[in-house]
């Protein structure tokens, strides 16, 4: 019985490849990105910007080349106004997207909330 419960838990808690697609809001709710799949890789564009940011425009590519492997999204690049393009990985938990950027040996994770739109 314990093995069955554990197996069901893993099945329902493991993200599927398309769970990342859709619109994601930053925690401050000042901007959102739309993530989509193209040829097995995932990309994100600025969907909405509430606070003006000179280096970000609606429709601008801000996430590219993420691939789904072993339950995680890996080997992508994310654009930040401060650092430009940085290496990134992502994981999903409870309708939250944990996007981690890496540059110069420093990692920073931002948590985005799945939008109902």
N, C-alpha and C. Protein backbone atom coordinates (compact mmCIF):
# COMPACT_ATOMS: atom_id res chain seq x y z
N UNK A 1 0.82 -1.19 0.00
CA UNK A 1 0.00 0.00 0.00
C UNK A 1 0.86 1.26 0.00
N UNK A 2 1.94 1.25 0.77
CA UNK A 2 2.85 2.39 0.84
C UNK A 2 3.49 2.66 -0.51
N UNK A 3 3.87 1.60 -1.21
CA UNK A 3 4.50 1.76 -2.53
C UNK A 3 3.50 2.36 -3.51
N UNK A 4 2.26 1.92 -3.48
CA UNK A 4 1.23 2.47 -4.35
C UNK A 4 1.03 3.96 -4.08
N UNK A 5 0.92 4.35 -2.82
CA UNK A 5 0.75 5.75 -2.46
C UNK A 5 1.92 6.58 -2.95
N UNK A 6 3.14 6.11 -2.71
CA UNK A 6 4.35 6.82 -3.14
C UNK A 6 4.39 6.96 -4.66
N UNK A 7 4.04 5.91 -5.38
CA UNK A 7 4.01 5.96 -6.84
C UNK A 7 3.00 6.98 -7.34
N UNK A 8 1.80 6.97 -6.75
CA UNK A 8 0.78 7.95 -7.14
C UNK A 8 1.23 9.37 -6.81
N UNK A 9 1.87 9.56 -5.67
CA UNK A 9 2.38 10.88 -5.29
C UNK A 9 3.39 11.39 -6.31
N UNK A 10 4.33 10.54 -6.70
CA UNK A 10 5.33 10.93 -7.70
C UNK A 10 4.68 11.24 -9.04
N UNK A 11 3.69 10.44 -9.43
CA UNK A 11 3.03 10.66 -10.71
C UNK A 11 2.33 12.02 -10.75
N UNK A 12 1.60 12.35 -9.70
CA UNK A 12 0.83 13.59 -9.70
C UNK A 12 1.67 14.81 -9.34
N UNK A 13 2.85 14.65 -8.74
CA UNK A 13 3.67 15.80 -8.38
C UNK A 13 4.77 16.10 -9.40
N UNK A 14 5.01 15.18 -10.33
CA UNK A 14 6.03 15.40 -11.34
C UNK A 14 5.45 16.24 -12.47
N UNK A 15 6.12 17.38 -12.78
CA UNK A 15 5.58 18.23 -13.85
C UNK A 15 5.68 17.55 -15.20
N UNK A 16 4.72 17.85 -16.05
CA UNK A 16 4.81 17.35 -17.41
C UNK A 16 5.45 18.43 -18.27
N UNK A 17 5.82 18.06 -19.44
CA UNK A 17 6.58 18.95 -20.31
C UNK A 17 5.81 20.23 -20.66
N UNK A 18 4.49 20.18 -20.77
CA UNK A 18 3.74 21.37 -21.17
C UNK A 18 3.22 22.21 -20.00
N UNK A 19 3.50 21.80 -18.77
CA UNK A 19 3.04 22.59 -17.62
C UNK A 19 3.68 23.97 -17.57
N UNK A 20 4.80 24.15 -18.22
CA UNK A 20 5.49 25.44 -18.19
C UNK A 20 4.87 26.45 -19.16
N UNK A 21 4.13 25.96 -20.14
CA UNK A 21 3.56 26.89 -21.12
C UNK A 21 2.43 27.71 -20.50
N UNK A 22 2.33 28.94 -20.95
CA UNK A 22 1.29 29.83 -20.44
C UNK A 22 1.87 31.15 -20.00
N UNK A 23 1.09 31.87 -19.22
CA UNK A 23 1.49 33.21 -18.77
C UNK A 23 1.87 33.14 -17.29
N UNK A 24 3.01 33.77 -16.96
CA UNK A 24 3.57 33.76 -15.62
C UNK A 24 3.82 35.19 -15.15
N UNK A 25 3.34 35.51 -13.94
CA UNK A 25 3.51 36.84 -13.33
C UNK A 25 4.68 36.84 -12.37
N UNK A 26 5.45 37.96 -12.37
CA UNK A 26 6.49 38.08 -11.36
C UNK A 26 5.83 38.35 -10.00
N UNK A 27 6.54 38.13 -8.88
CA UNK A 27 5.92 38.28 -7.56
C UNK A 27 5.37 39.68 -7.29
N UNK A 28 5.98 40.69 -7.85
CA UNK A 28 5.52 42.06 -7.64
C UNK A 28 4.30 42.40 -8.51
N UNK A 29 3.97 41.50 -9.42
CA UNK A 29 2.86 41.67 -10.37
C UNK A 29 3.03 42.93 -11.22
N UNK A 30 4.29 43.20 -11.59
CA UNK A 30 4.59 44.36 -12.43
C UNK A 30 4.88 43.97 -13.88
N UNK A 31 5.01 42.67 -14.14
CA UNK A 31 5.21 42.19 -15.51
C UNK A 31 4.90 40.71 -15.59
N UNK A 32 4.66 40.27 -16.82
CA UNK A 32 4.41 38.84 -17.03
C UNK A 32 5.10 38.39 -18.30
N UNK A 33 5.39 37.09 -18.35
CA UNK A 33 5.98 36.49 -19.54
C UNK A 33 5.05 35.38 -20.03
N UNK A 34 5.04 35.19 -21.34
CA UNK A 34 4.30 34.09 -21.95
C UNK A 34 5.31 33.07 -22.44
N UNK A 35 5.22 31.86 -21.93
CA UNK A 35 6.16 30.79 -22.32
C UNK A 35 5.46 29.85 -23.28
N UNK A 36 6.17 29.49 -24.34
CA UNK A 36 5.64 28.60 -25.37
C UNK A 36 6.73 27.64 -25.82
N UNK A 37 6.30 26.56 -26.47
CA UNK A 37 7.22 25.54 -26.97
C UNK A 37 7.36 25.67 -28.48
N UNK A 38 8.58 25.47 -28.98
CA UNK A 38 8.85 25.47 -30.41
C UNK A 38 9.97 24.47 -30.68
N UNK A 39 9.66 23.41 -31.41
CA UNK A 39 10.65 22.38 -31.78
C UNK A 39 11.35 21.78 -30.57
N UNK A 40 10.60 21.50 -29.51
CA UNK A 40 11.17 20.83 -28.35
C UNK A 40 11.88 21.75 -27.37
N UNK A 41 11.93 23.03 -27.64
CA UNK A 41 12.57 23.99 -26.72
C UNK A 41 11.52 25.01 -26.29
N UNK A 42 11.75 25.61 -25.14
CA UNK A 42 10.80 26.56 -24.60
C UNK A 42 11.38 27.97 -24.63
N UNK A 43 10.49 28.91 -24.96
CA UNK A 43 10.86 30.31 -25.11
C UNK A 43 9.85 31.16 -24.35
N UNK A 44 10.27 32.36 -23.96
CA UNK A 44 9.36 33.27 -23.28
C UNK A 44 9.50 34.67 -23.83
N UNK A 45 8.36 35.34 -23.96
CA UNK A 45 8.36 36.74 -24.41
C UNK A 45 7.64 37.58 -23.36
N UNK A 46 7.99 38.86 -23.32
CA UNK A 46 7.30 39.78 -22.42
C UNK A 46 5.86 39.87 -22.88
N UNK A 47 4.95 39.57 -21.97
CA UNK A 47 3.53 39.58 -22.31
C UNK A 47 2.88 40.89 -21.87
N UNK A 48 3.28 41.37 -20.69
CA UNK A 48 2.70 42.58 -20.13
C UNK A 48 3.73 43.24 -19.23
N UNK A 49 3.82 44.56 -19.30
CA UNK A 49 4.73 45.32 -18.44
C UNK A 49 3.92 46.42 -17.77
N UNK A 50 3.81 46.35 -16.45
CA UNK A 50 3.06 47.35 -15.71
C UNK A 50 3.90 48.56 -15.33
N UNK A 51 5.15 48.29 -14.95
CA UNK A 51 6.09 49.37 -14.64
C UNK A 51 7.01 49.55 -15.83
N UNK A 52 7.14 50.77 -16.33
CA UNK A 52 8.04 50.98 -17.48
C UNK A 52 9.47 50.55 -17.16
N UNK A 53 10.09 49.90 -18.10
CA UNK A 53 11.48 49.45 -17.98
C UNK A 53 12.13 49.70 -19.33
N UNK A 54 13.09 50.61 -19.39
CA UNK A 54 13.67 50.98 -20.69
C UNK A 54 14.28 49.81 -21.48
N UNK A 55 14.74 48.78 -20.79
CA UNK A 55 15.39 47.66 -21.49
C UNK A 55 14.44 46.51 -21.80
N UNK A 56 13.16 46.65 -21.46
CA UNK A 56 12.18 45.60 -21.73
C UNK A 56 11.01 46.18 -22.51
N UNK A 57 10.58 45.45 -23.52
CA UNK A 57 9.44 45.85 -24.35
C UNK A 57 8.48 44.68 -24.49
N UNK A 58 7.19 44.98 -24.63
CA UNK A 58 6.20 43.94 -24.86
C UNK A 58 6.56 43.17 -26.13
N UNK A 59 6.50 41.85 -26.07
CA UNK A 59 6.84 41.02 -27.22
C UNK A 59 8.32 40.66 -27.31
N UNK A 60 9.15 41.24 -26.46
CA UNK A 60 10.59 40.98 -26.48
C UNK A 60 10.90 39.58 -25.97
N UNK A 61 11.81 38.89 -26.63
CA UNK A 61 12.26 37.57 -26.20
C UNK A 61 13.08 37.71 -24.92
N UNK A 62 12.68 37.02 -23.85
CA UNK A 62 13.39 37.10 -22.57
C UNK A 62 13.80 35.73 -22.02
N UNK A 63 13.39 34.67 -22.70
CA UNK A 63 13.73 33.31 -22.29
C UNK A 63 13.88 32.47 -23.56
N UNK A 64 14.97 31.71 -23.64
CA UNK A 64 15.17 30.91 -24.85
C UNK A 64 15.91 29.62 -24.55
N UNK A 65 15.63 28.63 -25.41
CA UNK A 65 16.35 27.35 -25.47
C UNK A 65 16.25 26.47 -24.24
N UNK A 66 15.22 26.63 -23.40
CA UNK A 66 15.03 25.70 -22.28
C UNK A 66 14.61 24.34 -22.83
N UNK A 67 15.19 23.29 -22.31
CA UNK A 67 14.81 21.94 -22.70
C UNK A 67 14.36 21.17 -21.46
N UNK A 68 13.40 20.28 -21.64
CA UNK A 68 12.86 19.48 -20.54
C UNK A 68 13.61 18.17 -20.50
N UNK A 69 14.24 17.89 -19.35
CA UNK A 69 15.05 16.68 -19.22
C UNK A 69 15.04 16.23 -17.77
N UNK A 70 14.63 15.01 -17.53
CA UNK A 70 14.64 14.46 -16.18
C UNK A 70 13.72 15.18 -15.20
N UNK A 71 12.62 15.72 -15.69
CA UNK A 71 11.68 16.41 -14.81
C UNK A 71 11.99 17.86 -14.56
N UNK A 72 13.06 18.37 -15.19
CA UNK A 72 13.46 19.77 -15.01
C UNK A 72 13.67 20.43 -16.36
N UNK A 73 13.63 21.72 -16.35
CA UNK A 73 13.91 22.52 -17.55
C UNK A 73 15.33 23.05 -17.41
N UNK A 74 16.19 22.76 -18.41
CA UNK A 74 17.63 23.03 -18.29
C UNK A 74 18.19 23.72 -19.52
N UNK A 75 19.40 24.22 -19.35
CA UNK A 75 20.25 24.72 -20.44
C UNK A 75 19.64 25.87 -21.22
N UNK A 76 18.84 26.70 -20.57
CA UNK A 76 18.25 27.84 -21.25
C UNK A 76 19.03 29.11 -20.99
N UNK A 77 18.50 30.20 -21.51
CA UNK A 77 19.06 31.53 -21.27
C UNK A 77 17.90 32.47 -20.97
N UNK A 78 18.12 33.35 -19.99
CA UNK A 78 17.11 34.34 -19.63
C UNK A 78 17.73 35.73 -19.75
N UNK A 79 16.94 36.68 -20.19
CA UNK A 79 17.42 38.06 -20.32
C UNK A 79 17.04 38.84 -19.07
N UNK A 80 18.00 39.53 -18.49
CA UNK A 80 17.74 40.43 -17.38
C UNK A 80 18.21 41.83 -17.77
N UNK A 81 17.48 42.87 -17.39
CA UNK A 81 17.92 44.23 -17.72
C UNK A 81 19.29 44.57 -17.14
N UNK A 82 19.63 43.98 -16.01
CA UNK A 82 20.91 44.29 -15.35
C UNK A 82 22.10 43.58 -15.98
N UNK A 83 21.96 42.26 -16.27
CA UNK A 83 23.09 41.45 -16.71
C UNK A 83 23.02 40.99 -18.15
N UNK A 84 21.97 41.30 -18.86
CA UNK A 84 21.82 40.79 -20.22
C UNK A 84 21.42 39.32 -20.18
N UNK A 85 21.92 38.53 -21.12
CA UNK A 85 21.58 37.10 -21.19
C UNK A 85 22.41 36.32 -20.18
N UNK A 86 21.73 35.47 -19.39
CA UNK A 86 22.38 34.62 -18.41
C UNK A 86 21.88 33.19 -18.60
N UNK A 87 22.70 32.23 -18.21
CA UNK A 87 22.28 30.82 -18.24
C UNK A 87 21.16 30.62 -17.24
N UNK A 88 20.22 29.74 -17.56
CA UNK A 88 19.12 29.52 -16.61
C UNK A 88 18.58 28.10 -16.67
N UNK A 89 17.97 27.72 -15.56
CA UNK A 89 17.26 26.46 -15.40
C UNK A 89 15.93 26.81 -14.75
N UNK A 90 14.98 25.89 -14.80
CA UNK A 90 13.68 26.15 -14.20
C UNK A 90 13.10 24.86 -13.64
N UNK A 91 12.25 25.03 -12.64
CA UNK A 91 11.48 23.90 -12.11
C UNK A 91 10.11 24.42 -11.72
N UNK A 92 9.15 23.52 -11.70
CA UNK A 92 7.77 23.85 -11.38
C UNK A 92 7.35 23.18 -10.09
N UNK A 93 6.69 23.95 -9.22
CA UNK A 93 6.09 23.39 -8.02
C UNK A 93 4.83 24.18 -7.69
N UNK A 94 3.72 23.49 -7.54
CA UNK A 94 2.46 24.10 -7.10
C UNK A 94 2.11 25.40 -7.84
N UNK A 95 2.05 25.35 -9.13
CA UNK A 95 1.70 26.51 -9.97
C UNK A 95 2.69 27.66 -9.81
N UNK A 96 3.91 27.34 -9.43
CA UNK A 96 4.97 28.34 -9.34
C UNK A 96 6.12 27.91 -10.25
N UNK A 97 6.69 28.89 -10.93
CA UNK A 97 7.84 28.66 -11.79
C UNK A 97 9.06 29.24 -11.08
N UNK A 98 10.00 28.39 -10.74
CA UNK A 98 11.24 28.80 -10.10
C UNK A 98 12.30 28.91 -11.21
N UNK A 99 12.61 30.12 -11.60
CA UNK A 99 13.55 30.37 -12.69
C UNK A 99 14.86 30.84 -12.08
N UNK A 100 15.93 30.06 -12.27
CA UNK A 100 17.23 30.37 -11.68
C UNK A 100 18.21 30.77 -12.76
N UNK A 101 18.75 31.97 -12.63
CA UNK A 101 19.77 32.47 -13.55
C UNK A 101 21.15 32.30 -12.94
N UNK A 102 22.13 32.01 -13.79
CA UNK A 102 23.51 31.78 -13.35
C UNK A 102 24.45 32.66 -14.17
N UNK A 103 25.30 33.41 -13.48
CA UNK A 103 26.32 34.19 -14.19
C UNK A 103 27.47 34.46 -13.22
N UNK A 104 28.68 34.26 -13.69
CA UNK A 104 29.89 34.48 -12.89
C UNK A 104 29.87 33.69 -11.59
N UNK A 105 29.30 32.49 -11.61
CA UNK A 105 29.27 31.64 -10.43
C UNK A 105 28.22 32.04 -9.40
N UNK A 106 27.40 33.01 -9.71
CA UNK A 106 26.35 33.46 -8.80
C UNK A 106 25.01 33.03 -9.37
N UNK A 107 24.14 32.51 -8.52
CA UNK A 107 22.81 32.07 -8.95
C UNK A 107 21.75 32.89 -8.21
N UNK A 108 20.70 33.24 -8.95
CA UNK A 108 19.57 33.95 -8.35
C UNK A 108 18.28 33.33 -8.88
N UNK A 109 17.38 33.03 -7.97
CA UNK A 109 16.10 32.41 -8.34
C UNK A 109 14.98 33.41 -8.18
N UNK A 110 14.15 33.52 -9.20
CA UNK A 110 12.93 34.32 -9.16
C UNK A 110 11.76 33.35 -9.27
N UNK A 111 10.72 33.61 -8.50
CA UNK A 111 9.54 32.75 -8.51
C UNK A 111 8.40 33.50 -9.21
N UNK A 112 7.87 32.88 -10.26
CA UNK A 112 6.76 33.44 -11.00
C UNK A 112 5.50 32.65 -10.69
N UNK A 113 4.38 33.32 -10.66
CA UNK A 113 3.10 32.69 -10.36
C UNK A 113 2.31 32.49 -11.64
N UNK A 114 1.70 31.34 -11.77
CA UNK A 114 0.94 31.05 -12.98
C UNK A 114 -0.31 31.93 -13.02
N UNK A 115 -0.50 32.59 -14.13
CA UNK A 115 -1.64 33.48 -14.30
C UNK A 115 -2.86 32.67 -14.71
N UNK A 116 -4.01 33.14 -14.32
CA UNK A 116 -5.26 32.47 -14.71
C UNK A 116 -5.74 32.92 -16.08
N UNK A 117 -5.07 33.92 -16.69
CA UNK A 117 -5.44 34.42 -18.03
C UNK A 117 -5.05 33.47 -19.11
